[in-house]
Each structure stands twice: as C-alpha cells, then as structure tokens.
Amino acid sequence: RSTVNLHLPEVQRLHGFVFPDELV
C-alpha cells in the first residue's frame, strides 16, 4: 500500500459576491 498524490488544485474554500461592481 502507498499514498497517492493526485496533484490537483486546492479547493477554493471562500467564495464572494460584491455589489455594486463599481464605486464612486
């Protein structure tokens, strides 16, 4: 038995939404 590294990108744990798209 051996450990297999899948070499995949880390899952994004924080997701955001911004309003509005632009500020004065």
mmCIF file of all heavy atoms, coordinates in Angstrom:
data_MODEL
# 
_entry.id   MODEL 
# 
loop_
_atom_site.group_PDB 
_atom_site.id 
_atom_site.type_symbol 
_atom_site.label_atom_id 
_atom_site.label_alt_id 
_atom_site.label_comp_id 
_atom_site.label_asym_id 
_atom_site.label_entity_id 
_atom_site.label_seq_id 
_atom_site.pdbx_PDB_ins_code 
_atom_site.Cartn_x 
_atom_site.Cartn_y 
_atom_site.Cartn_z 
_atom_site.occupancy 
_atom_site.B_iso_or_equiv 
_atom_site.pdbx_formal_charge 
_atom_site.auth_seq_id 
_atom_site.auth_comp_id 
_atom_site.auth_asym_id 
_atom_site.auth_atom_id 
_atom_site.pdbx_PDB_model_num 
ATOM 1   N N   . ARG A 1 1  ? 0.843   -1.191 0.000   1.00 0.00 ? 1  ARG A N   1 
ATOM 2   C CA  . ARG A 1 1  ? 0.000   0.000  0.000   1.00 0.00 ? 1  ARG A CA  1 
ATOM 3   C C   . ARG A 1 1  ? 0.883   1.248  0.000   1.00 0.00 ? 1  ARG A C   1 
ATOM 4   O O   . ARG A 1 1  ? 1.950   1.271  0.619   1.00 0.00 ? 1  ARG A O   1 
ATOM 5   C CB  . ARG A 1 1  ? -0.929  0.012  1.219   1.00 0.00 ? 1  ARG A CB  1 
ATOM 6   C CG  . ARG A 1 1  ? -1.917  -1.147 1.228   1.00 0.00 ? 1  ARG A CG  1 
ATOM 7   C CD  . ARG A 1 1  ? -2.750  -1.187 2.508   1.00 0.00 ? 1  ARG A CD  1 
ATOM 8   N NE  . ARG A 1 1  ? -3.659  -2.315 2.504   1.00 0.00 ? 1  ARG A NE  1 
ATOM 9   C CZ  . ARG A 1 1  ? -4.919  -2.274 2.066   1.00 0.00 ? 1  ARG A CZ  1 
ATOM 10  N NH1 . ARG A 1 1  ? -5.418  -1.111 1.627   1.00 0.00 ? 1  ARG A NH1 1 
ATOM 11  N NH2 . ARG A 1 1  ? -5.682  -3.343 2.093   1.00 0.00 ? 1  ARG A NH2 1 
ATOM 12  N N   . SER A 1 2  ? 0.404   2.285  -0.680  1.00 0.00 ? 2  SER A N   1 
ATOM 13  C CA  . SER A 1 2  ? 1.171   3.523  -0.771  1.00 0.00 ? 2  SER A CA  1 
ATOM 14  C C   . SER A 1 2  ? 0.220   4.707  -0.877  1.00 0.00 ? 2  SER A C   1 
ATOM 15  O O   . SER A 1 2  ? -0.941  4.564  -1.290  1.00 0.00 ? 2  SER A O   1 
ATOM 16  C CB  . SER A 1 2  ? 2.103   3.498  -1.983  1.00 0.00 ? 2  SER A CB  1 
ATOM 17  O OG  . SER A 1 2  ? 1.354   3.341  -3.182  1.00 0.00 ? 2  SER A OG  1 
ATOM 18  N N   . THR A 1 3  ? 0.708   5.877  -0.479  1.00 0.00 ? 3  THR A N   1 
ATOM 19  C CA  . THR A 1 3  ? -0.076  7.105  -0.601  1.00 0.00 ? 3  THR A CA  1 
ATOM 20  C C   . THR A 1 3  ? 0.089   7.672  -2.008  1.00 0.00 ? 3  THR A C   1 
ATOM 21  O O   . THR A 1 3  ? 1.209   7.769  -2.517  1.00 0.00 ? 3  THR A O   1 
ATOM 22  C CB  . THR A 1 3  ? 0.379   8.146  0.433   1.00 0.00 ? 3  THR A CB  1 
ATOM 23  O OG1 . THR A 1 3  ? 0.188   7.603  1.743   1.00 0.00 ? 3  THR A OG1 1 
ATOM 24  C CG2 . THR A 1 3  ? -0.421  9.428  0.299   1.00 0.00 ? 3  THR A CG2 1 
ATOM 25  N N   . VAL A 1 4  ? -1.017  8.031  -2.623  1.00 0.00 ? 4  VAL A N   1 
ATOM 26  C CA  . VAL A 1 4  ? -1.011  8.559  -3.988  1.00 0.00 ? 4  VAL A CA  1 
ATOM 27  C C   . VAL A 1 4  ? -1.383  10.037 -3.944  1.00 0.00 ? 4  VAL A C   1 
ATOM 28  O O   . VAL A 1 4  ? -2.478  10.399 -3.491  1.00 0.00 ? 4  VAL A O   1 
ATOM 29  C CB  . VAL A 1 4  ? -2.006  7.795  -4.888  1.00 0.00 ? 4  VAL A CB  1 
ATOM 30  C CG1 . VAL A 1 4  ? -2.016  8.390  -6.295  1.00 0.00 ? 4  VAL A CG1 1 
ATOM 31  C CG2 . VAL A 1 4  ? -1.653  6.316  -4.931  1.00 0.00 ? 4  VAL A CG2 1 
ATOM 32  N N   . ASN A 1 5  ? -0.474  10.890 -4.392  1.00 0.00 ? 5  ASN A N   1 
ATOM 33  C CA  . ASN A 1 5  ? -0.740  12.322 -4.501  1.00 0.00 ? 5  ASN A CA  1 
ATOM 34  C C   . ASN A 1 5  ? -1.405  12.589 -5.851  1.00 0.00 ? 5  ASN A C   1 
ATOM 35  O O   . ASN A 1 5  ? -0.833  12.290 -6.907  1.00 0.00 ? 5  ASN A O   1 
ATOM 36  C CB  . ASN A 1 5  ? 0.560   13.118 -4.381  1.00 0.00 ? 5  ASN A CB  1 
ATOM 37  C CG  . ASN A 1 5  ? 0.321   14.615 -4.282  1.00 0.00 ? 5  ASN A CG  1 
ATOM 38  O OD1 . ASN A 1 5  ? -0.732  15.114 -4.692  1.00 0.00 ? 5  ASN A OD1 1 
ATOM 39  N ND2 . ASN A 1 5  ? 1.281   15.340 -3.756  1.00 0.00 ? 5  ASN A ND2 1 
ATOM 40  N N   . LEU A 1 6  ? -2.617  13.130 -5.831  1.00 0.00 ? 6  LEU A N   1 
ATOM 41  C CA  . LEU A 1 6  ? -3.365  13.348 -7.060  1.00 0.00 ? 6  LEU A CA  1 
ATOM 42  C C   . LEU A 1 6  ? -2.916  14.601 -7.812  1.00 0.00 ? 6  LEU A C   1 
ATOM 43  O O   . LEU A 1 6  ? -3.307  14.814 -8.960  1.00 0.00 ? 6  LEU A O   1 
ATOM 44  C CB  . LEU A 1 6  ? -4.862  13.439 -6.753  1.00 0.00 ? 6  LEU A CB  1 
ATOM 45  C CG  . LEU A 1 6  ? -5.459  12.204 -6.067  1.00 0.00 ? 6  LEU A CG  1 
ATOM 46  C CD1 . LEU A 1 6  ? -6.932  12.445 -5.748  1.00 0.00 ? 6  LEU A CD1 1 
ATOM 47  C CD2 . LEU A 1 6  ? -5.294  10.961 -6.932  1.00 0.00 ? 6  LEU A CD2 1 
ATOM 48  N N   . HIS A 1 7  ? -2.133  15.460 -7.155  1.00 0.00 ? 7  HIS A N   1 
ATOM 49  C CA  . HIS A 1 7  ? -1.583  16.671 -7.785  1.00 0.00 ? 7  HIS A CA  1 
ATOM 50  C C   . HIS A 1 7  ? -2.686  17.523 -8.419  1.00 0.00 ? 7  HIS A C   1 
ATOM 51  O O   . HIS A 1 7  ? -2.592  17.946 -9.574  1.00 0.00 ? 7  HIS A O   1 
ATOM 52  C CB  . HIS A 1 7  ? -0.530  16.306 -8.831  1.00 0.00 ? 7  HIS A CB  1 
ATOM 53  C CG  . HIS A 1 7  ? 0.672   15.621 -8.249  1.00 0.00 ? 7  HIS A CG  1 
ATOM 54  N ND1 . HIS A 1 7  ? 1.600   16.281 -7.461  1.00 0.00 ? 7  HIS A ND1 1 
ATOM 55  C CD2 . HIS A 1 7  ? 1.082   14.326 -8.322  1.00 0.00 ? 7  HIS A CD2 1 
ATOM 56  C CE1 . HIS A 1 7  ? 2.544   15.416 -7.088  1.00 0.00 ? 7  HIS A CE1 1 
ATOM 57  N NE2 . HIS A 1 7  ? 2.244   14.240 -7.585  1.00 0.00 ? 7  HIS A NE2 1 
ATOM 58  N N   . LEU A 1 8  ? -3.741  17.751 -7.652  1.00 0.00 ? 8  LEU A N   1 
ATOM 59  C CA  . LEU A 1 8  ? -4.862  18.566 -8.124  1.00 0.00 ? 8  LEU A CA  1 
ATOM 60  C C   . LEU A 1 8  ? -4.876  19.907 -7.401  1.00 0.00 ? 8  LEU A C   1 
ATOM 61  O O   . LEU A 1 8  ? -4.400  20.010 -6.271  1.00 0.00 ? 8  LEU A O   1 
ATOM 62  C CB  . LEU A 1 8  ? -6.184  17.832 -7.877  1.00 0.00 ? 8  LEU A CB  1 
ATOM 63  C CG  . LEU A 1 8  ? -6.387  16.556 -8.708  1.00 0.00 ? 8  LEU A CG  1 
ATOM 64  C CD1 . LEU A 1 8  ? -7.609  15.798 -8.218  1.00 0.00 ? 8  LEU A CD1 1 
ATOM 65  C CD2 . LEU A 1 8  ? -6.525  16.899 -10.184 1.00 0.00 ? 8  LEU A CD2 1 
ATOM 66  N N   . PRO A 1 9  ? -5.432  20.947 -8.032  1.00 0.00 ? 9  PRO A N   1 
ATOM 67  C CA  . PRO A 1 9  ? -5.507  22.255 -7.370  1.00 0.00 ? 9  PRO A CA  1 
ATOM 68  C C   . PRO A 1 9  ? -6.315  22.171 -6.075  1.00 0.00 ? 9  PRO A C   1 
ATOM 69  O O   . PRO A 1 9  ? -7.268  21.390 -5.963  1.00 0.00 ? 9  PRO A O   1 
ATOM 70  C CB  . PRO A 1 9  ? -6.212  23.137 -8.400  1.00 0.00 ? 9  PRO A CB  1 
ATOM 71  C CG  . PRO A 1 9  ? -6.024  22.442 -9.712  1.00 0.00 ? 9  PRO A CG  1 
ATOM 72  C CD  . PRO A 1 9  ? -5.979  20.971 -9.397  1.00 0.00 ? 9  PRO A CD  1 
ATOM 73  N N   . GLU A 1 10 ? -5.934  22.977 -5.109  1.00 0.00 ? 10 GLU A N   1 
ATOM 74  C CA  . GLU A 1 10 ? -6.654  23.011 -3.837  1.00 0.00 ? 10 GLU A CA  1 
ATOM 75  C C   . GLU A 1 10 ? -8.053  23.597 -4.047  1.00 0.00 ? 10 GLU A C   1 
ATOM 76  O O   . GLU A 1 10 ? -8.242  24.534 -4.822  1.00 0.00 ? 10 GLU A O   1 
ATOM 77  C CB  . GLU A 1 10 ? -5.885  23.871 -2.826  1.00 0.00 ? 10 GLU A CB  1 
ATOM 78  C CG  . GLU A 1 10 ? -6.469  23.853 -1.425  1.00 0.00 ? 10 GLU A CG  1 
ATOM 79  C CD  . GLU A 1 10 ? -5.605  24.615 -0.432  1.00 0.00 ? 10 GLU A CD  1 
ATOM 80  O OE1 . GLU A 1 10 ? -4.458  24.950 -0.784  1.00 0.00 ? 10 GLU A OE1 1 
ATOM 81  O OE2 . GLU A 1 10 ? -6.088  24.872 0.683   1.00 0.00 ? 10 GLU A OE2 1 
ATOM 82  N N   . VAL A 1 11 ? -9.018  23.029 -3.356  1.00 0.00 ? 11 VAL A N   1 
ATOM 83  C CA  . VAL A 1 11 ? -10.401 23.500 -3.480  1.00 0.00 ? 11 VAL A CA  1 
ATOM 84  C C   . VAL A 1 11 ? -10.527 24.899 -2.879  1.00 0.00 ? 11 VAL A C   1 
ATOM 85  O O   . VAL A 1 11 ? -10.034 25.168 -1.778  1.00 0.00 ? 11 VAL A O   1 
ATOM 86  C CB  . VAL A 1 11 ? -11.372 22.524 -2.775  1.00 0.00 ? 11 VAL A CB  1 
ATOM 87  C CG1 . VAL A 1 11 ? -12.767 23.126 -2.670  1.00 0.00 ? 11 VAL A CG1 1 
ATOM 88  C CG2 . VAL A 1 11 ? -11.432 21.211 -3.538  1.00 0.00 ? 11 VAL A CG2 1 
ATOM 89  N N   . GLN A 1 12 ? -11.200 25.779 -3.605  1.00 0.00 ? 12 GLN A N   1 
ATOM 90  C CA  . GLN A 1 12 ? -11.436 27.133 -3.115  1.00 0.00 ? 12 GLN A CA  1 
ATOM 91  C C   . GLN A 1 12 ? -12.462 27.085 -1.989  1.00 0.00 ? 12 GLN A C   1 
ATOM 92  O O   . GLN A 1 12 ? -13.584 26.617 -2.184  1.00 0.00 ? 12 GLN A O   1 
ATOM 93  C CB  . GLN A 1 12 ? -11.941 28.029 -4.248  1.00 0.00 ? 12 GLN A CB  1 
ATOM 94  C CG  . GLN A 1 12 ? -12.211 29.465 -3.853  1.00 0.00 ? 12 GLN A CG  1 
ATOM 95  C CD  . GLN A 1 12 ? -10.939 30.187 -3.434  1.00 0.00 ? 12 GLN A CD  1 
ATOM 96  O OE1 . GLN A 1 12 ? -9.899  30.010 -4.031  1.00 0.00 ? 12 GLN A OE1 1 
ATOM 97  N NE2 . GLN A 1 12 ? -11.040 31.004 -2.415  1.00 0.00 ? 12 GLN A NE2 1 
ATOM 98  N N   . ARG A 1 13 ? -12.088 27.590 -0.815  1.00 0.00 ? 13 ARG A N   1 
ATOM 99  C CA  . ARG A 1 13 ? -12.945 27.474 0.371   1.00 0.00 ? 13 ARG A CA  1 
ATOM 100 C C   . ARG A 1 13 ? -13.755 28.741 0.645   1.00 0.00 ? 13 ARG A C   1 
ATOM 101 O O   . ARG A 1 13 ? -14.731 28.705 1.382   1.00 0.00 ? 13 ARG A O   1 
ATOM 102 C CB  . ARG A 1 13 ? -12.082 27.153 1.590   1.00 0.00 ? 13 ARG A CB  1 
ATOM 103 C CG  . ARG A 1 13 ? -11.263 25.863 1.439   1.00 0.00 ? 13 ARG A CG  1 
ATOM 104 C CD  . ARG A 1 13 ? -12.093 24.658 1.732   1.00 0.00 ? 13 ARG A CD  1 
ATOM 105 N NE  . ARG A 1 13 ? -12.523 24.658 3.115   1.00 0.00 ? 13 ARG A NE  1 
ATOM 106 C CZ  . ARG A 1 13 ? -11.775 24.221 4.130   1.00 0.00 ? 13 ARG A CZ  1 
ATOM 107 N NH1 . ARG A 1 13 ? -10.560 23.732 3.908   1.00 0.00 ? 13 ARG A NH1 1 
ATOM 108 N NH2 . ARG A 1 13 ? -12.239 24.241 5.357   1.00 0.00 ? 13 ARG A NH2 1 
ATOM 109 N N   . LEU A 1 14 ? -13.320 29.878 0.118   1.00 0.00 ? 14 LEU A N   1 
ATOM 110 C CA  . LEU A 1 14 ? -14.046 31.138 0.298   1.00 0.00 ? 14 LEU A CA  1 
ATOM 111 C C   . LEU A 1 14 ? -14.557 31.623 -1.054  1.00 0.00 ? 14 LEU A C   1 
ATOM 112 O O   . LEU A 1 14 ? -13.799 31.685 -2.025  1.00 0.00 ? 14 LEU A O   1 
ATOM 113 C CB  . LEU A 1 14 ? -13.149 32.214 0.922   1.00 0.00 ? 14 LEU A CB  1 
ATOM 114 C CG  . LEU A 1 14 ? -12.662 31.963 2.349   1.00 0.00 ? 14 LEU A CG  1 
ATOM 115 C CD1 . LEU A 1 14 ? -11.751 33.100 2.801   1.00 0.00 ? 14 LEU A CD1 1 
ATOM 116 C CD2 . LEU A 1 14 ? -13.834 31.822 3.307   1.00 0.00 ? 14 LEU A CD2 1 
ATOM 117 N N   . HIS A 1 15 ? -15.837 31.946 -1.096  1.00 0.00 ? 15 HIS A N   1 
ATOM 118 C CA  . HIS A 1 15 ? -16.454 32.415 -2.332  1.00 0.00 ? 15 HIS A CA  1 
ATOM 119 C C   . HIS A 1 15 ? -17.164 33.730 -2.029  1.00 0.00 ? 15 HIS A C   1 
ATOM 120 O O   . HIS A 1 15 ? -17.845 33.856 -0.998  1.00 0.00 ? 15 HIS A O   1 
ATOM 121 C CB  . HIS A 1 15 ? -17.443 31.382 -2.863  1.00 0.00 ? 15 HIS A CB  1 
ATOM 122 C CG  . HIS A 1 15 ? -16.808 30.065 -3.202  1.00 0.00 ? 15 HIS A CG  1 
ATOM 123 N ND1 . HIS A 1 15 ? -16.552 29.674 -4.492  1.00 0.00 ? 15 HIS A ND1 1 
ATOM 124 C CD2 . HIS A 1 15 ? -16.353 29.058 -2.414  1.00 0.00 ? 15 HIS A CD2 1 
ATOM 125 C CE1 . HIS A 1 15 ? -15.981 28.476 -4.490  1.00 0.00 ? 15 HIS A CE1 1 
ATOM 126 N NE2 . HIS A 1 15 ? -15.855 28.082 -3.233  1.00 0.00 ? 15 HIS A NE2 1 
ATOM 127 N N   . GLY A 1 16 ? -17.028 34.692 -2.925  1.00 0.00 ? 16 GLY A N   1 
ATOM 128 C CA  . GLY A 1 16 ? -17.554 36.012 -2.623  1.00 0.00 ? 16 GLY A CA  1 
ATOM 129 C C   . GLY A 1 16 ? -18.444 36.592 -3.710  1.00 0.00 ? 16 GLY A C   1 
ATOM 130 O O   . GLY A 1 16 ? -18.427 36.168 -4.867  1.00 0.00 ? 16 GLY A O   1 
ATOM 131 N N   . PHE A 1 17 ? -19.226 37.570 -3.304  1.00 0.00 ? 17 PHE A N   1 
ATOM 132 C CA  . PHE A 1 17 ? -20.081 38.344 -4.209  1.00 0.00 ? 17 PHE A CA  1 
ATOM 133 C C   . PHE A 1 17 ? -19.986 39.807 -3.792  1.00 0.00 ? 17 PHE A C   1 
ATOM 134 O O   . PHE A 1 17 ? -20.066 40.116 -2.596  1.00 0.00 ? 17 PHE A O   1 
ATOM 135 C CB  . PHE A 1 17 ? -21.538 37.857 -4.109  1.00 0.00 ? 17 PHE A CB  1 
ATOM 136 C CG  . PHE A 1 17 ? -22.528 38.763 -4.791  1.00 0.00 ? 17 PHE A CG  1 
ATOM 137 C CD1 . PHE A 1 17 ? -22.618 38.812 -6.175  1.00 0.00 ? 17 PHE A CD1 1 
ATOM 138 C CD2 . PHE A 1 17 ? -23.377 39.576 -4.048  1.00 0.00 ? 17 PHE A CD2 1 
ATOM 139 C CE1 . PHE A 1 17 ? -23.530 39.653 -6.803  1.00 0.00 ? 17 PHE A CE1 1 
ATOM 140 C CE2 . PHE A 1 17 ? -24.291 40.408 -4.661  1.00 0.00 ? 17 PHE A CE2 1 
ATOM 141 C CZ  . PHE A 1 17 ? -24.370 40.444 -6.043  1.00 0.00 ? 17 PHE A CZ  1 
ATOM 142 N N   . VAL A 1 18 ? -19.796 40.685 -4.757  1.00 0.00 ? 18 VAL A N   1 
ATOM 143 C CA  . VAL A 1 18 ? -19.634 42.109 -4.475  1.00 0.00 ? 18 VAL A CA  1 
ATOM 144 C C   . VAL A 1 18 ? -20.729 42.896 -5.181  1.00 0.00 ? 18 VAL A C   1 
ATOM 145 O O   . VAL A 1 18 ? -21.061 42.629 -6.345  1.00 0.00 ? 18 VAL A O   1 
ATOM 146 C CB  . VAL A 1 18 ? -18.250 42.610 -4.954  1.00 0.00 ? 18 VAL A CB  1 
ATOM 147 C CG1 . VAL A 1 18 ? -18.118 44.107 -4.726  1.00 0.00 ? 18 VAL A CG1 1 
ATOM 148 C CG2 . VAL A 1 18 ? -17.130 41.876 -4.243  1.00 0.00 ? 18 VAL A CG2 1 
ATOM 149 N N   . PHE A 1 19 ? -21.297 43.864 -4.486  1.00 0.00 ? 19 PHE A N   1 
ATOM 150 C CA  . PHE A 1 19 ? -22.272 44.777 -5.082  1.00 0.00 ? 19 PHE A CA  1 
ATOM 151 C C   . PHE A 1 19 ? -22.036 46.179 -4.539  1.00 0.00 ? 19 PHE A C   1 
ATOM 152 O O   . PHE A 1 19 ? -21.857 46.349 -3.333  1.00 0.00 ? 19 PHE A O   1 
ATOM 153 C CB  . PHE A 1 19 ? -23.709 44.351 -4.762  1.00 0.00 ? 19 PHE A CB  1 
ATOM 154 C CG  . PHE A 1 19 ? -24.726 45.302 -5.322  1.00 0.00 ? 19 PHE A CG  1 
ATOM 155 C CD1 . PHE A 1 19 ? -25.108 45.214 -6.649  1.00 0.00 ? 19 PHE A CD1 1 
ATOM 156 C CD2 . PHE A 1 19 ? -25.267 46.312 -4.530  1.00 0.00 ? 19 PHE A CD2 1 
ATOM 157 C CE1 . PHE A 1 19 ? -26.032 46.121 -7.170  1.00 0.00 ? 19 PHE A CE1 1 
ATOM 158 C CE2 . PHE A 1 19 ? -26.179 47.211 -5.048  1.00 0.00 ? 19 PHE A CE2 1 
ATOM 159 C CZ  . PHE A 1 19 ? -26.566 47.114 -6.372  1.00 0.00 ? 19 PHE A CZ  1 
ATOM 160 N N   . PRO A 1 20 ? -22.004 47.187 -5.408  1.00 0.00 ? 20 PRO A N   1 
ATOM 161 C CA  . PRO A 1 20 ? -22.061 47.108 -6.869  1.00 0.00 ? 20 PRO A CA  1 
ATOM 162 C C   . PRO A 1 20 ? -20.696 46.782 -7.458  1.00 0.00 ? 20 PRO A C   1 
ATOM 163 O O   . PRO A 1 20 ? -19.717 46.662 -6.730  1.00 0.00 ? 20 PRO A O   1 
ATOM 164 C CB  . PRO A 1 20 ? -22.508 48.520 -7.254  1.00 0.00 ? 20 PRO A CB  1 
ATOM 165 C CG  . PRO A 1 20 ? -21.900 49.384 -6.191  1.00 0.00 ? 20 PRO A CG  1 
ATOM 166 C CD  . PRO A 1 20 ? -21.980 48.585 -4.923  1.00 0.00 ? 20 PRO A CD  1 
ATOM 167 N N   . ASP A 1 21 ? -20.643 46.662 -8.782  1.00 0.00 ? 21 ASP A N   1 
ATOM 168 C CA  . ASP A 1 21 ? -19.382 46.344 -9.443  1.00 0.00 ? 21 ASP A CA  1 
ATOM 169 C C   . ASP A 1 21 ? -18.402 47.510 -9.389  1.00 0.00 ? 21 ASP A C   1 
ATOM 170 O O   . ASP A 1 21 ? -17.191 47.314 -9.432  1.00 0.00 ? 21 ASP A O   1 
ATOM 171 C CB  . ASP A 1 21 ? -19.624 45.962 -10.909 1.00 0.00 ? 21 ASP A CB  1 
ATOM 172 C CG  . ASP A 1 21 ? -20.373 44.647 -11.044 1.00 0.00 ? 21 ASP A CG  1 
ATOM 173 O OD1 . ASP A 1 21 ? -20.241 43.814 -10.129 1.00 0.00 ? 21 ASP A OD1 1 
ATOM 174 O OD2 . ASP A 1 21 ? -21.072 44.465 -12.046 1.00 0.00 ? 21 ASP A OD2 1 
ATOM 175 N N   . GLU A 1 22 ? -18.918 48.721 -9.321  1.00 0.00 ? 22 GLU A N   1 
ATOM 176 C CA  . GLU A 1 22 ? -18.071 49.912 -9.303  1.00 0.00 ? 22 GLU A CA  1 
ATOM 177 C C   . GLU A 1 22 ? -18.543 50.867 -8.218  1.00 0.00 ? 22 GLU A C   1 
ATOM 178 O O   . GLU A 1 22 ? -19.741 50.926 -7.898  1.00 0.00 ? 22 GLU A O   1 
ATOM 179 C CB  . GLU A 1 22 ? -18.112 50.629 -10.657 1.00 0.00 ? 22 GLU A CB  1 
ATOM 180 C CG  . GLU A 1 22 ? -17.567 49.808 -11.817 1.00 0.00 ? 22 GLU A CG  1 
ATOM 181 C CD  . GLU A 1 22 ? -17.637 50.573 -13.132 1.00 0.00 ? 22 GLU A CD  1 
ATOM 182 O OE1 . GLU A 1 22 ? -18.245 51.665 -13.143 1.00 0.00 ? 22 GLU A OE1 1 
ATOM 183 O OE2 . GLU A 1 22 ? -17.091 50.073 -14.133 1.00 0.00 ? 22 GLU A OE2 1 
ATOM 184 N N   . LEU A 1 23 ? -17.605 51.607 -7.653  1.00 0.00 ? 23 LEU A N   1 
ATOM 185 C CA  . LEU A 1 23 ? -17.917 52.632 -6.658  1.00 0.00 ? 23 LEU A CA  1 
ATOM 186 C C   . LEU A 1 23 ? -17.413 53.979 -7.150  1.00 0.00 ? 23 LEU A C   1 
ATOM 187 O O   . LEU A 1 23 ? -16.448 54.066 -7.906  1.00 0.00 ? 23 LEU A O   1 
ATOM 188 C CB  . LEU A 1 23 ? -17.251 52.307 -5.315  1.00 0.00 ? 23 LEU A CB  1 
ATOM 189 C CG  . LEU A 1 23 ? -17.740 51.064 -4.569  1.00 0.00 ? 23 LEU A CG  1 
ATOM 190 C CD1 . LEU A 1 23 ? -16.904 50.847 -3.316  1.00 0.00 ? 23 LEU A CD1 1 
ATOM 191 C CD2 . LEU A 1 23 ? -19.212 51.210 -4.201  1.00 0.00 ? 23 LEU A CD2 1 
ATOM 192 N N   . VAL A 1 24 ? -18.094 55.025 -6.695  1.00 0.00 ? 24 VAL A N   1 
ATOM 193 C CA  . VAL A 1 24 ? -17.646 56.391 -6.967  1.00 0.00 ? 24 VAL A CA  1 
ATOM 194 C C   . VAL A 1 24 ? -16.575 56.747 -5.938  1.00 0.00 ? 24 VAL A C   1 
ATOM 195 O O   . VAL A 1 24 ? -16.770 56.564 -4.734  1.00 0.00 ? 24 VAL A O   1 
ATOM 196 C CB  . VAL A 1 24 ? -18.817 57.386 -6.878  1.00 0.00 ? 24 VAL A CB  1 
ATOM 197 C CG1 . VAL A 1 24 ? -18.315 58.815 -7.105  1.00 0.00 ? 24 VAL A CG1 1 
ATOM 198 C CG2 . VAL A 1 24 ? -19.894 57.018 -7.898  1.00 0.00 ? 24 VAL A CG2 1 
# 
